[in-house]
Amino acid sequence: MSKIKCIIVEDEPLAVKVLSDYISQVPFLELHGSFKDAILATDYLRSNVVDLIFLDIHLPKLKGMAFLKTLTSPPAVIITTAYHQYAVEGFNLNVTDYLLKPFEFERFLVAVIKVKTTQSEKHRSIEEPEEKDHLFLNVQKKKVKILFSEILYIESQREYIKIVTTKKEYVSKMSTHEMESLLPPSLFKRIHRSFIVSIRKIESYTAEAVEVNGISIPIGRGYKDVIDNL
């Protein structure tokens, strides 16, 4: 798959530098420009096509949300802001993710993997009209079929992951980031650097933890907004 073309719309030089550095560390991202206000970004988009916009909300001249509403066919959008109160409006406008400043590289990576996964699914849907309901994982030298509907949660165990299902547990040598890229983002959410949970299997939650099948799983400090938008 070709690289994801992205731009930054942000008026804070330090924030632009952080995003640029993060983007340069991700092989499938390609930065095509940064703009200090939405008017400049609008001019650029008139004659250029991008796949992803990193968008700040508090911009001069035209605010981020207002800019987003002007786009007739918007690409994927990741909001980057210090203000959590705009999260609901952002998701109503179908943004892919909402990053609260300051955010670490790992949280940034989670967001861009969502974009990559969504784009991969669009490409696959052309070739595979039927939506997949499973994946095959390497478990003890064989490929094991695991249904998405049976997965409760995934836990990181250093260079391995543990997949807990309604039937049994599996251990596979891969990272949680690799596993996350294989899971439908509409069904699974990362709530901690070490845990991915099935949204449908969440029985209850607080600000600190979710309960899945009677098991309490902690919510990481950088993932509070994920739970707020379930």
Protein backbone atom coordinates (compact mmCIF):
# COMPACT_ATOMS: atom_id res chain seq x y z
CA MET A 1 0.00 0.00 0.00
CA SER A 2 1.26 3.50 -0.82
CA LYS A 3 2.20 5.96 1.90
CA ILE A 4 -0.43 8.05 3.66
CA LYS A 5 -0.04 11.68 2.57
CA CYS A 6 -0.62 14.03 5.49
CA ILE A 7 -0.53 17.72 6.38
CA ILE A 8 -0.39 19.58 9.70
CA VAL A 9 -2.70 22.53 10.43
CA GLU A 10 -1.26 24.03 13.61
CA ASP A 11 -0.14 27.53 14.68
CA GLU A 12 2.21 26.53 17.53
CA PRO A 13 5.77 25.97 16.22
CA LEU A 14 6.64 23.53 19.02
CA ALA A 15 3.54 21.43 18.31
CA VAL A 16 4.42 21.41 14.60
CA LYS A 17 7.93 20.21 15.45
CA VAL A 18 6.64 17.41 17.71
CA LEU A 19 4.17 16.21 15.06
CA SER A 20 6.79 16.43 12.29
CA ASP A 21 9.22 14.37 14.38
CA TYR A 22 6.54 11.77 15.14
CA ILE A 23 5.50 11.56 11.48
CA SER A 24 9.13 11.05 10.38
CA GLN A 25 9.34 7.98 12.66
CA VAL A 26 6.39 6.21 10.99
CA PRO A 27 7.34 4.53 7.69
CA PHE A 28 3.84 4.63 6.18
CA LEU A 29 3.36 8.40 6.76
CA GLU A 30 4.55 11.12 4.37
CA LEU A 31 4.35 14.79 5.43
CA HIS A 32 3.39 17.08 2.54
CA GLY A 33 3.25 20.39 4.40
CA SER A 34 2.35 22.31 7.55
CA PHE A 35 0.10 25.37 7.74
CA LYS A 36 -0.26 27.89 10.56
CA ASP A 37 -3.92 28.58 9.80
CA ALA A 38 -6.90 26.92 8.11
CA ILE A 39 -7.07 29.49 5.29
CA LEU A 40 -3.62 28.47 4.03
CA ALA A 41 -4.58 24.81 4.36
CA THR A 42 -7.78 25.43 2.36
CA ASP A 43 -5.77 27.00 -0.47
CA TYR A 44 -3.44 23.99 -0.51
CA LEU A 45 -6.33 21.48 -0.56
CA ARG A 46 -7.90 23.17 -3.59
CA SER A 47 -5.15 21.76 -5.79
CA ASN A 48 -3.73 18.90 -3.71
CA VAL A 49 -5.16 15.65 -2.39
CA VAL A 50 -4.13 14.34 1.04
CA ASP A 51 -5.15 11.26 3.03
CA LEU A 52 -4.83 12.68 6.56
CA ILE A 53 -4.96 16.04 8.35
CA PHE A 54 -3.53 16.66 11.82
CA LEU A 55 -5.77 19.51 12.93
CA ASP A 56 -5.54 21.86 15.90
CA ILE A 57 -8.81 23.41 17.11
CA HIS A 58 -7.73 26.86 18.32
CA LEU A 59 -6.40 28.39 15.13
CA PRO A 60 -6.25 32.05 14.04
CA LYS A 61 -8.75 33.35 11.44
CA LEU A 62 -10.80 30.12 11.17
CA LYS A 63 -11.19 27.62 14.03
CA GLY A 64 -10.44 23.95 13.42
CA MET A 65 -14.01 22.69 13.75
CA ALA A 66 -15.32 25.42 11.42
CA PHE A 67 -12.61 24.52 8.89
CA LEU A 68 -13.59 20.86 9.11
CA LYS A 69 -17.22 21.72 8.30
CA THR A 70 -16.10 23.52 5.11
CA LEU A 71 -14.57 20.36 3.64
CA THR A 72 -17.02 18.64 1.29
CA SER A 73 -15.06 15.38 1.07
CA PRO A 74 -12.69 15.47 4.03
CA PRO A 75 -9.79 13.03 4.33
CA ALA A 76 -9.09 11.26 7.62
CA VAL A 77 -8.70 13.80 10.45
CA ILE A 78 -6.85 13.49 13.75
CA ILE A 79 -7.61 16.35 16.14
CA THR A 80 -4.65 17.59 18.22
CA THR A 81 -5.63 19.93 21.04
CA ALA A 82 -5.21 20.79 24.70
CA TYR A 83 -8.99 21.06 25.13
CA HIS A 84 -10.95 17.87 25.83
CA GLN A 85 -14.40 19.53 25.69
CA TYR A 86 -14.50 19.41 21.88
CA ALA A 87 -14.19 15.61 21.70
CA VAL A 88 -17.90 14.91 21.21
CA GLU A 89 -18.21 17.49 18.43
CA GLY A 90 -15.10 16.06 16.80
CA PHE A 91 -16.44 12.53 16.73
CA ASN A 92 -19.79 13.81 15.44
CA LEU A 93 -17.79 15.13 12.49
CA ASN A 94 -16.31 11.63 12.02
CA VAL A 95 -12.74 12.44 13.03
CA THR A 96 -10.58 9.33 13.31
CA ASP A 97 -9.07 10.18 16.69
CA TYR A 98 -8.72 12.97 19.24
CA LEU A 99 -5.28 13.53 20.77
CA LEU A 100 -5.00 15.62 23.92
CA LYS A 101 -1.76 17.62 24.18
CA PRO A 102 0.80 16.77 25.32
CA PHE A 103 0.63 13.26 23.86
CA GLU A 104 3.42 10.70 23.62
CA PHE A 105 4.59 8.92 20.48
CA GLU A 106 2.87 5.67 21.46
CA ARG A 107 -0.55 7.38 21.66
CA PHE A 108 0.17 9.11 18.32
CA LEU A 109 0.99 5.73 16.78
CA VAL A 110 -2.32 4.28 17.96
CA ALA A 111 -4.14 7.09 16.14
CA VAL A 112 -2.29 6.77 12.83
CA ILE A 113 -2.62 2.97 12.86
CA LYS A 114 -6.41 3.54 12.97
CA VAL A 115 -6.10 5.60 9.77
CA LYS A 116 -3.92 2.96 8.13
CA THR A 117 -6.31 0.18 9.17
CA THR A 118 -9.33 2.06 7.83
CA GLN A 119 -7.62 2.71 4.51
CA SER A 120 -6.51 -0.93 4.25
CA GLU A 121 -10.09 -2.04 4.90
CA LYS A 122 -11.35 0.23 2.10
CA HIS A 123 -8.89 -1.37 -0.32
CA ARG A 124 -9.81 -4.85 0.86
CA SER A 125 -13.53 -4.17 0.59
CA ILE A 126 -13.15 -3.76 -3.17
CA GLU A 127 -11.66 -7.24 -3.42
CA GLU A 128 -13.47 -8.82 -0.47
CA PRO A 129 -17.11 -7.77 -0.34
CA GLU A 130 -17.72 -9.97 2.68
CA GLU A 131 -16.50 -8.52 5.95
CA LYS A 132 -14.06 -10.77 7.77
CA ASP A 133 -15.14 -12.06 11.14
CA HIS A 134 -11.88 -13.71 12.16
CA LEU A 135 -8.10 -13.76 11.91
CA PHE A 136 -5.43 -16.46 11.88
CA LEU A 137 -2.62 -16.18 14.43
CA ASN A 138 0.64 -18.06 14.80
CA VAL A 139 0.28 -20.14 17.97
CA GLN A 140 2.90 -22.80 18.69
CA LYS A 141 3.99 -23.23 15.06
CA LYS A 142 0.50 -23.40 13.61
CA LYS A 143 -2.11 -20.93 12.36
CA VAL A 144 -5.09 -20.80 14.68
CA LYS A 145 -8.43 -19.28 13.64
CA ILE A 146 -9.80 -16.82 16.20
CA LEU A 147 -13.24 -15.25 15.82
CA PHE A 148 -13.49 -11.52 16.62
CA SER A 149 -16.77 -12.23 18.41
CA GLU A 150 -15.02 -14.53 20.89
CA ILE A 151 -12.12 -12.22 21.84
CA LEU A 152 -12.46 -10.65 25.30
CA TYR A 153 -9.16 -8.75 25.47
CA ILE A 154 -5.51 -8.81 24.42
CA GLU A 155 -2.67 -8.30 26.89
CA SER A 156 0.95 -7.43 26.11
CA GLN A 157 3.58 -9.74 27.59
CA ARG A 158 6.85 -8.19 26.41
CA GLU A 159 7.53 -9.61 22.93
CA TYR A 160 4.41 -11.78 23.14
CA ILE A 161 0.69 -11.12 23.45
CA LYS A 162 -1.97 -13.11 25.29
CA ILE A 163 -5.34 -13.31 23.53
CA VAL A 164 -8.12 -14.14 25.99
CA THR A 165 -11.29 -15.49 24.37
CA THR A 166 -14.57 -16.88 25.65
CA LYS A 167 -13.20 -20.39 25.03
CA LYS A 168 -9.50 -20.32 25.90
CA GLU A 169 -6.30 -18.27 25.96
CA TYR A 170 -3.66 -18.08 23.22
CA VAL A 171 -0.10 -16.75 23.25
CA SER A 172 1.48 -15.44 20.07
CA LYS A 173 4.83 -13.77 19.37
CA MET A 174 3.85 -10.29 18.15
CA SER A 175 3.32 -6.78 19.54
CA THR A 176 0.00 -5.26 20.58
CA HIS A 177 0.49 -2.66 17.81
CA GLU A 178 0.72 -5.43 15.20
CA MET A 179 -2.34 -7.11 16.67
CA GLU A 180 -4.25 -3.82 16.76
CA SER A 181 -3.67 -3.31 13.04
CA LEU A 182 -5.40 -6.67 12.40
CA LEU A 183 -8.49 -5.90 14.48
CA PRO A 184 -11.58 -3.96 13.30
CA PRO A 185 -11.31 -0.54 15.02
CA SER A 186 -15.10 -0.44 15.37
CA LEU A 187 -15.01 -3.52 17.62
CA PHE A 188 -11.77 -3.14 19.58
CA LYS A 189 -10.14 -0.26 21.46
CA ARG A 190 -6.76 0.11 23.13
CA ILE A 191 -7.34 1.41 26.65
CA HIS A 192 -3.80 0.96 28.01
CA ARG A 193 -0.34 0.53 26.51
CA SER A 194 -0.65 -3.17 27.44
CA PHE A 195 -4.35 -3.86 26.84
CA ILE A 196 -6.81 -3.93 23.92
CA VAL A 197 -10.42 -4.79 24.77
CA SER A 198 -13.51 -5.85 22.84
CA ILE A 199 -16.03 -3.00 23.14
CA ARG A 200 -18.94 -5.44 23.04
CA LYS A 201 -17.53 -7.44 25.93
CA ILE A 202 -17.20 -4.45 28.32
CA GLU A 203 -19.65 -5.02 31.19
CA SER A 204 -18.96 -1.82 33.13
CA TYR A 205 -16.31 0.86 33.51
CA THR A 206 -15.02 3.66 35.73
CA ALA A 207 -12.43 6.37 35.08
CA GLU A 208 -9.72 3.90 36.15
CA ALA A 209 -10.75 0.50 34.78
CA VAL A 210 -13.14 -1.51 32.62
CA GLU A 211 -14.64 -4.86 33.54
CA VAL A 212 -14.61 -7.61 30.93
CA ASN A 213 -16.02 -11.02 31.81
CA GLY A 214 -15.58 -10.22 35.51
CA ILE A 215 -11.94 -9.17 35.05
CA SER A 216 -10.83 -5.62 35.88
CA ILE A 217 -8.52 -4.10 33.24
CA PRO A 218 -6.80 -0.75 33.95
CA ILE A 219 -7.27 2.32 31.76
CA GLY A 220 -3.98 4.05 30.93
CA ARG A 221 -3.57 7.74 31.69
CA GLY A 222 -3.29 8.63 28.00
CA TYR A 223 -6.40 6.66 27.01
CA LYS A 224 -9.13 8.29 29.12
CA ASP A 225 -10.64 9.92 26.02
CA VAL A 226 -11.11 6.52 24.36
CA ILE A 227 -13.47 5.41 27.13
CA ASP A 228 -15.26 8.77 27.18
CA ASN A 229 -16.26 8.19 23.56
CA LEU A 230 -17.46 4.59 23.70
